[in-house]
């Protein structure tokens, strides 16, 4: 049979190793190797687009749009056929 100090030491060591294993598992889930090695690239912003508005009408980058929800001083007009 083990003495009380030895048992206590083994329990503390087991708790430490369990915590270390949990931390390691979390790190593996959060920092994946494929995301850590990714190289930043330029964002593809802009260019032609085609969307459908709430009335079912097609809206493209060449359309004129009126923003009615903006304040009267901030209202602007964009292109729409």
Foldseek 3Di string as FASTA:
>chain_A
DDDPVVVVVVVVVVVVVVVVVVVVVVCCVPDPPVVVPDDDDDDDDDDWDWDADPVRDIDIQQAKDWDPVDDPVPTDIGHHD
